[in-house]
Amino acid sequence: MSIVDIQNQTDPVIDHYVEGFDRLESQASSARAAWLHPVRKAAIASFSEHGFPTIRDEEWRHTNIAPIAGRRYQRSDHAPREISAGELEPFDVPGLAGCRLVWVNGVWTPQLSTFGKLPVGTYVGSIGRAWMSHPALLKGHLAHYAGYRPHAFVALNTAFLTDGALIHLPRGADLTEPIHLMFVSAPDGQLEVSYPRVLIVAESDSQAVVIEHYVGPPGGEYLTNAVTEIVAGDGVILDHYKIQQESTSAAHMATLALRQGRGSSIRSHSIAFGGGLVRNDVQAVLDGEGAECVLNGLSVLDGRQHVDHHLVVDHAQPHGASREYYKTIADGKSHGVFSGRIIVRPGAQKTDAKQTNKNLLLSEEALVDTKPQLEIFADDVKCTHGATIGQLDTDAMFYLRSRGVTEPAARGLLTYAFAAESLQAVRVEPLRQRLAELLVSRLPQGEQLRGAL
């Protein structure tokens, strides 16, 4: 579909979402906070004004969302179809302890959720249930960090915000076991869209591990439009993992907005195995002196998959440190995109920032676009960036073949080694093992690789 086609369809497509918003408003629960209404109304107004981005927009020139903008996805107005625990087994992480909270098509599903022991004052649960129990917390943080002007997908998520996950860590809380948030897409015949929302508020000196897990059945056609906001107080230590295992016929648009306080440390890992058309926007603001941020990503693509990672790391205070390390393995006719921007504000002296993007092409038709950027407005900093795009090392291939390793197994071993470095940064052992298994299953030499390993 051409840009002209999208322009001709813009008004009816926008009208479709505005009408959906009006229906939602007419059904709005009185339990929802009154302050949210003008926020949601402003968000749909922003979407109505700006519409969807096109490849003429610089930030979207490598990612054509015509397959989304040309279709009228429908938010489900009814309860999701019943999902059994057995249907979730393919997405389980064996050995993972702690809470597992499940949403199906954006709807909180307590019967599939399990709760572990939590420190006193900690809240882990549904935003829908928190309207009454945590009103000040939601009003003070929800929709404050992920800006919807003029971001179409954040605007739509905010406009249709009714539920999601809320995690509140009180001062000094130390969660020893991970919090596993699972968002399941289970389309029942129509083009459905879900709007997962996650808000994590970590007060000073708290610690936790949070796993966001997006899953869906093979072949399902749907749109996941997710927004996560994380605000970390002084001294917070947070490990955040986003695992994407959705249908390769589905689209996944996501935004992660981080705001860090003094001396805080956030490690956020994004692992993409599924999705046909995927965009991950990360906006990290190091807003406290001595804050540290690590962004680690891995995408494994084949067929016609398209995955775009867009990162902005904003050093707003001195003595901050950030590391971005993203890798893509592209096979078939797939397309990987990386755009990383580091901003060092005036006065953010002693900033130490490093950005690395490495890409491995396994076929002649695979494509990767990469754009590392630095914007430095301070003079006492240490900032570097670099990007590489290449194929498997012929010398390494020759070395393995000369020692009796078959060509498919050698290719698999070298590809696995390229990705394994990213998985080593995963500090939750059951999750790391499960991701390694998924990686092997995704590689074209998976069977030979299992034998070699």
Protein backbone atom coordinates (compact mmCIF):
# COMPACT_ATOMS: atom_id res chain seq x y z
CA MET A 1 0.00 0.00 0.00
CA SER A 2 1.41 3.39 -1.01
CA ILE A 3 1.63 6.57 1.03
CA VAL A 4 -1.03 8.08 -1.26
CA ASP A 5 -3.36 5.19 -0.38
CA ILE A 6 -2.82 5.82 3.32
CA GLN A 7 -3.45 9.55 2.92
CA ASN A 8 -6.73 8.80 1.12
CA GLN A 9 -7.79 6.52 3.99
CA THR A 10 -6.61 8.76 6.82
CA ASP A 11 -9.96 10.34 7.72
CA PRO A 12 -12.06 7.13 7.89
CA VAL A 13 -9.31 5.33 9.81
CA ILE A 14 -9.08 8.17 12.33
CA ASP A 15 -12.87 8.24 12.56
CA HIS A 16 -12.86 4.50 13.30
CA TYR A 17 -10.69 4.97 16.40
CA VAL A 18 -12.54 8.12 17.52
CA GLU A 19 -15.84 6.25 17.29
CA GLY A 20 -14.32 3.42 19.32
CA PHE A 21 -13.23 5.94 21.93
CA ASP A 22 -16.74 7.42 22.08
CA ARG A 23 -18.22 3.95 22.65
CA LEU A 24 -15.73 3.32 25.44
CA GLU A 25 -16.58 6.63 27.06
CA SER A 26 -20.27 5.79 27.05
CA GLN A 27 -19.48 2.57 28.91
CA ALA A 28 -16.96 4.13 31.31
CA SER A 29 -17.07 2.84 34.85
CA SER A 30 -17.76 5.34 37.60
CA ALA A 31 -15.03 3.60 39.62
CA ARG A 32 -12.39 5.04 37.32
CA ALA A 33 -10.76 8.25 38.54
CA ALA A 34 -12.31 11.47 37.27
CA TRP A 35 -8.89 12.99 36.55
CA LEU A 36 -8.22 10.36 33.87
CA HIS A 37 -11.07 11.46 31.62
CA PRO A 38 -9.45 14.71 30.37
CA VAL A 39 -6.15 12.88 29.88
CA ARG A 40 -7.75 10.24 27.69
CA LYS A 41 -9.76 12.88 25.83
CA ALA A 42 -6.61 14.91 25.13
CA ALA A 43 -4.86 11.77 23.89
CA ILE A 44 -7.56 10.91 21.35
CA ALA A 45 -7.59 14.56 20.25
CA SER A 46 -3.83 14.35 19.64
CA PHE A 47 -4.26 11.19 17.57
CA SER A 48 -7.11 12.78 15.64
CA GLU A 49 -4.89 15.76 14.86
CA HIS A 50 -1.70 13.94 13.88
CA GLY A 51 -2.87 10.51 12.70
CA PHE A 52 -0.41 7.72 12.02
CA PRO A 53 3.19 8.46 11.01
CA THR A 54 4.41 7.70 7.48
CA ILE A 55 7.82 7.00 6.00
CA ARG A 56 8.09 10.71 5.22
CA ASP A 57 8.58 11.26 8.96
CA GLU A 58 12.31 11.02 9.69
CA GLU A 59 11.81 8.87 12.80
CA TRP A 60 9.75 6.36 10.78
CA ARG A 61 11.43 6.40 7.38
CA HIS A 62 12.69 2.80 7.70
CA THR A 63 9.44 1.44 9.15
CA ASN A 64 6.34 1.59 6.98
CA ILE A 65 3.26 1.02 9.13
CA ALA A 66 0.86 0.95 6.17
CA PRO A 67 -0.22 -2.60 7.16
CA ILE A 68 -1.46 -1.11 10.46
CA ALA A 69 -2.74 2.26 9.28
CA GLY A 70 -4.69 0.64 6.47
CA ARG A 71 -6.63 -1.74 8.75
CA ARG A 72 -9.36 -1.05 11.25
CA TYR A 73 -8.42 -2.94 14.37
CA GLN A 74 -11.19 -3.37 16.89
CA ARG A 75 -10.79 -3.22 20.63
CA SER A 76 -12.75 -6.09 22.12
CA ASP A 77 -15.78 -4.80 24.04
CA HIS A 78 -16.54 -8.20 25.53
CA ALA A 79 -14.84 -10.53 27.95
CA PRO A 80 -12.00 -12.51 26.34
CA ARG A 81 -12.60 -16.07 25.35
CA GLU A 82 -11.74 -18.54 28.05
CA ILE A 83 -8.06 -19.44 28.07
CA SER A 84 -6.89 -22.59 29.84
CA ALA A 85 -3.65 -22.87 31.78
CA GLY A 86 -2.61 -25.55 29.27
CA GLU A 87 -2.71 -23.01 26.43
CA LEU A 88 -0.10 -20.95 28.25
CA GLU A 89 2.31 -23.86 28.76
CA PRO A 90 4.29 -23.18 25.53
CA PHE A 91 5.13 -19.77 26.97
CA ASP A 92 6.00 -20.89 30.49
CA VAL A 93 9.44 -20.30 31.99
CA PRO A 94 10.20 -23.52 33.90
CA GLY A 95 11.68 -22.95 37.33
CA LEU A 96 10.68 -19.28 37.51
CA ALA A 97 9.40 -18.47 40.98
CA GLY A 98 7.42 -15.45 42.17
CA CYS A 99 4.21 -13.82 40.92
CA ARG A 100 2.72 -14.42 37.49
CA LEU A 101 -0.06 -12.04 36.51
CA VAL A 102 -1.98 -12.62 33.28
CA TRP A 103 -3.99 -10.32 31.01
CA VAL A 104 -5.88 -11.76 28.02
CA ASN A 105 -6.65 -9.31 25.21
CA GLY A 106 -5.88 -6.53 27.65
CA VAL A 107 -8.29 -7.82 30.32
CA TRP A 108 -7.04 -8.78 33.79
CA THR A 109 -7.49 -12.56 34.27
CA PRO A 110 -7.04 -13.44 37.96
CA GLN A 111 -7.93 -17.12 37.51
CA LEU A 112 -4.74 -17.61 35.48
CA SER A 113 -2.60 -15.53 37.85
CA THR A 114 -0.56 -16.59 40.85
CA PHE A 115 0.74 -14.45 43.69
CA GLY A 116 3.86 -14.95 45.75
CA LYS A 117 4.81 -13.42 49.07
CA LEU A 118 5.39 -9.66 48.83
CA PRO A 119 6.93 -7.17 51.27
CA VAL A 120 4.51 -5.11 53.33
CA GLY A 121 3.21 -2.09 51.42
CA THR A 122 4.03 -3.55 47.99
CA TYR A 123 1.30 -3.56 45.34
CA VAL A 124 1.45 -5.90 42.36
CA GLY A 125 -1.77 -6.18 40.44
CA SER A 126 -4.34 -4.65 38.12
CA ILE A 127 -4.59 -0.92 37.47
CA GLY A 128 -8.35 -1.48 37.22
CA ARG A 129 -8.40 -2.60 40.86
CA ALA A 130 -6.09 0.20 41.94
CA TRP A 131 -8.35 3.11 40.96
CA MET A 132 -9.84 3.02 44.45
CA SER A 133 -6.94 1.62 46.49
CA HIS A 134 -4.08 3.73 45.06
CA PRO A 135 -5.65 6.88 43.56
CA ALA A 136 -2.86 9.30 44.52
CA LEU A 137 -0.18 7.00 43.14
CA LEU A 138 -1.93 6.64 39.79
CA LYS A 139 -2.74 10.33 39.51
CA GLY A 140 0.85 11.26 40.34
CA HIS A 141 2.51 8.96 37.79
CA LEU A 142 0.21 7.34 35.22
CA ALA A 143 0.58 8.94 31.76
CA HIS A 144 3.25 11.36 33.03
CA TYR A 145 6.35 9.93 31.34
CA ALA A 146 5.31 8.46 27.97
CA GLY A 147 4.34 11.52 25.95
CA TYR A 148 1.48 11.10 23.48
CA ARG A 149 2.07 14.31 21.50
CA PRO A 150 2.50 13.59 18.62
CA HIS A 151 3.18 9.85 19.17
CA ALA A 152 0.18 8.10 17.59
CA PHE A 153 0.56 4.75 19.34
CA VAL A 154 1.10 6.21 22.81
CA ALA A 155 -1.90 8.47 22.16
CA LEU A 156 -4.12 5.51 21.28
CA ASN A 157 -2.90 3.48 24.26
CA THR A 158 -3.61 6.41 26.58
CA ALA A 159 -7.01 7.12 25.04
CA PHE A 160 -8.12 3.51 25.52
CA LEU A 161 -6.50 3.11 28.95
CA THR A 162 -8.81 1.15 31.21
CA ASP A 163 -6.57 -1.47 32.81
CA GLY A 164 -3.03 -2.75 32.96
CA ALA A 165 -0.36 -3.65 35.49
CA LEU A 166 0.64 -1.54 38.47
CA ILE A 167 3.74 -2.31 40.51
CA HIS A 168 4.46 -0.13 43.51
CA LEU A 169 7.61 -0.77 45.53
CA PRO A 170 7.69 1.17 48.80
CA ARG A 171 10.89 2.65 50.16
CA GLY A 172 13.50 -0.04 50.86
CA ALA A 173 11.42 -2.95 49.52
CA ASP A 174 13.53 -5.86 48.28
CA LEU A 175 11.71 -8.43 46.15
CA THR A 176 13.77 -11.60 46.04
CA GLU A 177 11.66 -13.27 43.33
CA PRO A 178 10.71 -11.92 39.88
CA ILE A 179 7.36 -10.38 38.99
CA HIS A 180 6.17 -11.98 35.74
CA LEU A 181 3.59 -9.98 33.75
CA MET A 182 2.12 -11.99 30.88
CA PHE A 183 0.04 -10.29 28.18
CA VAL A 184 -1.76 -12.82 25.99
CA SER A 185 -3.33 -12.02 22.63
CA ALA A 186 -6.08 -14.51 21.76
CA PRO A 187 -7.98 -13.23 18.70
CA ASP A 188 -11.37 -14.81 18.09
CA GLY A 189 -11.91 -14.10 14.41
CA GLN A 190 -11.83 -10.32 14.14
CA LEU A 191 -8.91 -7.92 13.79
CA GLU A 192 -8.35 -7.14 17.46
CA VAL A 193 -6.13 -4.62 19.19
CA SER A 194 -5.12 -4.67 22.84
CA TYR A 195 -3.59 -1.80 24.80
CA PRO A 196 -1.39 -3.22 27.58
CA ARG A 197 -0.27 -0.58 30.07
CA VAL A 198 2.39 -1.04 32.74
CA LEU A 199 3.29 1.44 35.47
CA ILE A 200 6.20 0.69 37.79
CA VAL A 201 6.81 3.10 40.65
CA ALA A 202 9.91 2.16 42.65
CA GLU A 203 10.54 4.33 45.68
CA SER A 204 14.05 5.02 46.95
CA ASP A 205 16.39 2.09 47.75
CA SER A 206 13.94 -0.57 46.54
CA GLN A 207 14.96 -3.56 44.40
CA ALA A 208 13.04 -5.84 42.04
CA VAL A 209 13.06 -7.91 38.85
CA VAL A 210 10.15 -7.41 36.44
CA ILE A 211 9.48 -9.51 33.33
CA GLU A 212 7.06 -8.27 30.67
CA HIS A 213 6.06 -11.17 28.45
CA TYR A 214 3.99 -10.72 25.28
CA VAL A 215 2.67 -13.93 23.71
CA GLY A 216 0.18 -15.06 21.11
CA PRO A 217 -0.75 -18.19 19.13
CA PRO A 218 1.01 -18.88 15.81
CA GLY A 219 -0.75 -17.39 12.81
CA GLY A 220 -2.87 -14.95 14.80
CA GLU A 221 -3.47 -11.54 13.20
CA TYR A 222 -3.79 -8.75 15.75
CA LEU A 223 -2.15 -5.58 17.03
CA THR A 224 -0.52 -5.17 20.42
CA ASN A 225 -0.03 -1.52 21.36
CA ALA A 226 1.86 -1.44 24.67
CA VAL A 227 3.15 1.37 26.87
CA THR A 228 5.36 0.93 29.95
CA GLU A 229 6.32 3.72 32.33
CA ILE A 230 9.02 3.21 34.97
CA VAL A 231 9.91 5.81 37.56
CA ALA A 232 12.84 4.88 39.80
CA GLY A 233 13.63 6.85 42.92
CA ASP A 234 17.07 7.45 44.43
CA GLY A 235 19.15 4.31 44.85
CA VAL A 236 16.68 1.97 43.14
CA ILE A 237 18.01 -1.22 41.54
CA LEU A 238 15.66 -2.64 38.90
CA ASP A 239 16.14 -5.40 36.34
CA HIS A 240 13.52 -5.20 33.60
CA TYR A 241 12.99 -7.78 30.86
CA LYS A 242 10.69 -7.54 27.86
CA ILE A 243 10.20 -10.83 26.00
CA GLN A 244 8.22 -10.78 22.77
CA GLN A 245 6.93 -14.15 21.53
CA GLU A 246 4.00 -13.16 19.36
CA SER A 247 2.67 -14.44 16.06
CA THR A 248 4.72 -13.49 13.01
CA SER A 249 1.40 -12.39 11.47
CA ALA A 250 0.86 -9.88 14.28
CA ALA A 251 2.01 -6.30 14.78
CA HIS A 252 3.58 -5.05 18.00
CA MET A 253 4.06 -1.35 18.74
CA ALA A 254 5.59 -0.53 22.13
CA THR A 255 6.98 2.39 24.11
CA LEU A 256 9.10 2.20 27.25
CA ALA A 257 9.62 5.44 29.19
CA LEU A 258 12.16 5.46 32.04
CA ARG A 259 12.79 8.21 34.58
CA GLN A 260 15.67 7.66 37.01
CA GLY A 261 16.62 9.32 40.26
CA ARG A 262 19.98 9.88 41.94
CA GLY A 263 22.23 6.82 42.12
CA SER A 264 19.59 4.52 40.62
CA SER A 265 20.46 1.56 38.38
CA ILE A 266 18.15 0.15 35.71
CA ARG A 267 18.94 -2.73 33.39
CA SER A 268 16.34 -3.20 30.66
CA HIS A 269 16.56 -6.11 28.23
CA SER A 270 14.44 -6.45 25.09
CA ILE A 271 14.34 -9.88 23.39
CA ALA A 272 12.29 -10.13 20.18
CA PHE A 273 11.57 -13.54 18.69
CA GLY A 274 8.10 -12.93 17.22
CA GLY A 275 5.98 -10.31 15.55
CA GLY A 276 5.69 -9.52 11.87
CA LEU A 277 5.89 -5.73 12.18
CA VAL A 278 7.50 -4.56 15.42
CA ARG A 279 8.56 -1.18 16.76
CA ASN A 280 10.13 -0.65 20.20
CA ASP A 281 10.63 2.95 21.35
CA VAL A 282 12.74 3.47 24.48
CA GLN A 283 12.99 6.87 26.14
CA ALA A 284 15.33 6.93 29.15
CA VAL A 285 15.92 10.09 31.18
CA LEU A 286 18.76 9.92 33.74
CA ASP A 287 17.36 12.68 35.90
CA GLY A 288 19.48 12.15 39.01
CA GLU A 289 23.20 12.51 39.59
CA GLY A 290 25.09 9.22 39.27
CA ALA A 291 22.23 7.31 37.64
CA GLU A 292 23.15 4.23 35.60
CA CYS A 293 21.19 2.68 32.73
CA VAL A 294 21.89 -0.44 30.67
CA LEU A 295 19.79 -1.19 27.57
CA ASN A 296 20.40 -4.59 26.08
CA GLY A 297 18.56 -5.96 23.05
CA LEU A 298 18.45 -9.01 20.80
CA SER A 299 16.25 -9.62 17.74
CA VAL A 300 16.17 -12.92 15.84
CA LEU A 301 14.37 -12.47 12.52
CA ASP A 302 13.47 -14.54 9.50
CA GLY A 303 10.87 -14.59 6.73
CA ARG A 304 9.59 -11.05 6.24
CA GLN A 305 9.76 -9.96 9.86
CA HIS A 306 10.51 -6.30 10.52
CA VAL A 307 11.79 -5.15 13.93
CA ASP A 308 12.70 -1.53 14.66
CA HIS A 309 14.43 -0.42 17.88
CA HIS A 310 14.41 3.34 18.51
CA LEU A 311 16.30 4.51 21.60
CA VAL A 312 16.85 7.91 23.19
CA VAL A 313 19.02 8.08 26.32
CA ASP A 314 18.92 11.55 27.88
CA HIS A 315 21.68 12.38 30.38
CA ALA A 316 20.15 15.29 32.28
CA GLN A 317 22.44 15.23 35.35
CA PRO A 318 26.20 14.80 35.93
CA HIS A 319 28.11 11.57 36.64
CA GLY A 320 25.60 9.42 34.76
CA ALA A 321 26.52 6.23 32.90
CA SER A 322 24.67 4.43 30.14
CA ARG A 323 25.34 1.37 28.00
CA GLU A 324 23.36 0.36 24.92
CA TYR A 325 24.14 -3.00 23.40
CA TYR A 326 21.76 -4.18 20.67
CA LYS A 327 22.16 -7.13 18.30
CA THR A 328 20.10 -8.35 15.35
CA ILE A 329 20.25 -11.68 13.51
CA ALA A 330 18.44 -11.33 10.17
CA ASP A 331 17.62 -14.23 7.85
CA GLY A 332 15.27 -14.63 4.87
CA LYS A 333 13.89 -11.29 3.68
CA SER A 334 13.70 -9.78 7.15
CA HIS A 335 14.55 -6.19 8.03
CA GLY A 336 16.14 -4.93 11.22
CA VAL A 337 16.34 -1.25 12.20
CA PHE A 338 18.33 0.38 14.98
CA SER A 339 18.31 4.08 15.80
CA GLY A 340 20.06 5.10 18.98
CA ARG A 341 20.48 8.67 20.22
CA ILE A 342 22.47 9.73 23.26
CA ILE A 343 21.84 13.27 24.52
CA VAL A 344 24.16 14.88 27.07
CA ARG A 345 22.58 18.05 28.48
CA PRO A 346 24.52 21.17 29.48
CA GLY A 347 25.83 20.63 32.99
CA ALA A 348 25.75 16.81 32.72
CA GLN A 349 29.51 16.66 33.17
CA LYS A 350 31.39 13.39 33.78
CA THR A 351 28.84 11.48 31.69
CA ASP A 352 30.06 8.07 30.53
CA ALA A 353 27.96 6.72 27.65
CA LYS A 354 28.57 3.91 25.18
CA GLN A 355 26.39 2.70 22.34
CA THR A 356 27.02 -0.48 20.33
CA ASN A 357 24.93 -2.03 17.57
CA LYS A 358 26.01 -5.29 15.91
CA ASN A 359 24.10 -7.03 13.13
CA LEU A 360 24.50 -10.43 11.52
CA LEU A 361 23.03 -11.10 8.06
CA LEU A 362 22.37 -14.77 7.29
CA SER A 363 20.97 -14.29 3.78
CA GLU A 364 21.58 -12.03 0.80
CA GLU A 365 18.05 -10.65 0.98
CA ALA A 366 18.10 -9.69 4.67
CA LEU A 367 18.50 -5.98 5.42
CA VAL A 368 19.60 -3.89 8.39
CA ASP A 369 19.52 -0.09 8.78
CA THR A 370 21.47 1.38 11.67
CA LYS A 371 21.85 4.96 12.87
CA PRO A 372 23.85 5.63 16.06
CA GLN A 373 23.86 9.29 17.16
CA LEU A 374 25.47 11.51 19.78
CA GLU A 375 24.28 14.98 20.84
CA ILE A 376 26.71 16.38 23.39
CA PHE A 377 26.28 19.76 25.06
CA ALA A 378 28.86 19.29 27.84
CA ASP A 379 32.64 19.29 27.54
CA ASP A 380 33.84 16.82 30.21
CA VAL A 381 32.31 13.55 29.02
CA LYS A 382 33.28 10.15 27.65
CA CYS A 383 30.91 9.06 24.88
CA THR A 384 31.37 6.50 22.10
CA HIS A 385 29.15 4.81 19.55
CA GLY A 386 29.60 2.25 16.81
CA ALA A 387 27.72 -0.08 14.51
CA THR A 388 28.66 -3.13 12.43
CA ILE A 389 26.81 -5.16 9.80
CA GLY A 390 28.35 -8.38 8.53
CA GLN A 391 28.10 -12.07 7.80
CA LEU A 392 29.53 -15.12 9.51
CA ASP A 393 33.30 -15.08 9.89
CA THR A 394 34.79 -17.21 7.09
CA ASP A 395 37.96 -17.92 9.10
CA ALA A 396 35.89 -19.20 12.03
CA MET A 397 33.83 -21.32 9.64
CA PHE A 398 37.00 -22.80 8.16
CA TYR A 399 38.38 -23.55 11.65
CA LEU A 400 35.25 -25.46 12.69
CA ARG A 401 34.95 -27.32 9.37
CA SER A 402 38.61 -28.39 9.56
CA ARG A 403 37.84 -30.04 12.90
CA GLY A 404 35.01 -32.13 11.55
CA VAL A 405 32.02 -29.90 12.30
CA THR A 406 29.44 -30.01 9.52
CA GLU A 407 28.66 -26.76 7.71
CA PRO A 408 25.09 -26.44 9.12
CA ALA A 409 26.32 -27.09 12.66
CA ALA A 410 29.22 -24.65 12.23
CA ARG A 411 26.85 -21.94 11.00
CA GLY A 412 24.53 -22.65 13.90
CA LEU A 413 27.34 -22.53 16.47
CA LEU A 414 28.68 -19.21 15.21
CA THR A 415 25.19 -17.69 15.03
CA TYR A 416 24.41 -18.93 18.54
CA ALA A 417 27.70 -17.52 19.83
CA PHE A 418 26.86 -14.13 18.31
CA ALA A 419 23.54 -14.02 20.21
CA ALA A 420 24.65 -15.76 23.40
CA GLU A 421 26.60 -12.71 24.55
CA SER A 422 23.32 -10.81 24.86
CA LEU A 423 21.68 -13.67 26.77
CA GLN A 424 24.56 -13.80 29.23
CA ALA A 425 23.43 -10.40 30.47
CA VAL A 426 20.16 -12.01 31.66
CA ARG A 427 20.66 -12.51 35.38
CA VAL A 428 17.56 -14.65 36.06
CA GLU A 429 18.81 -18.20 35.53
CA PRO A 430 15.50 -19.93 34.53
CA LEU A 431 14.75 -17.10 32.11
CA ARG A 432 18.23 -17.24 30.58
CA GLN A 433 17.91 -21.00 30.03
CA ARG A 434 14.48 -20.64 28.47
CA LEU A 435 15.66 -17.86 26.15
CA ALA A 436 18.62 -20.02 25.08
CA GLU A 437 16.19 -22.82 24.17
CA LEU A 438 14.01 -20.43 22.20
CA LEU A 439 17.07 -19.06 20.42
CA VAL A 440 18.12 -22.52 19.30
CA SER A 441 14.60 -23.29 18.08
CA ARG A 442 14.57 -20.06 16.05
CA LEU A 443 17.83 -20.68 14.22
CA PRO A 444 17.69 -22.45 10.84
CA GLN A 445 20.34 -24.92 12.05
CA GLY A 446 18.52 -25.61 15.30
CA GLU A 447 18.50 -29.41 15.08
CA GLN A 448 22.19 -29.63 14.20
CA LEU A 449 22.98 -27.06 16.86
CA ARG A 450 21.26 -29.06 19.61
CA GLY A 451 23.54 -31.99 18.83
CA ALA A 452 26.67 -29.86 18.74
CA LEU A 453 25.80 -28.18 22.07
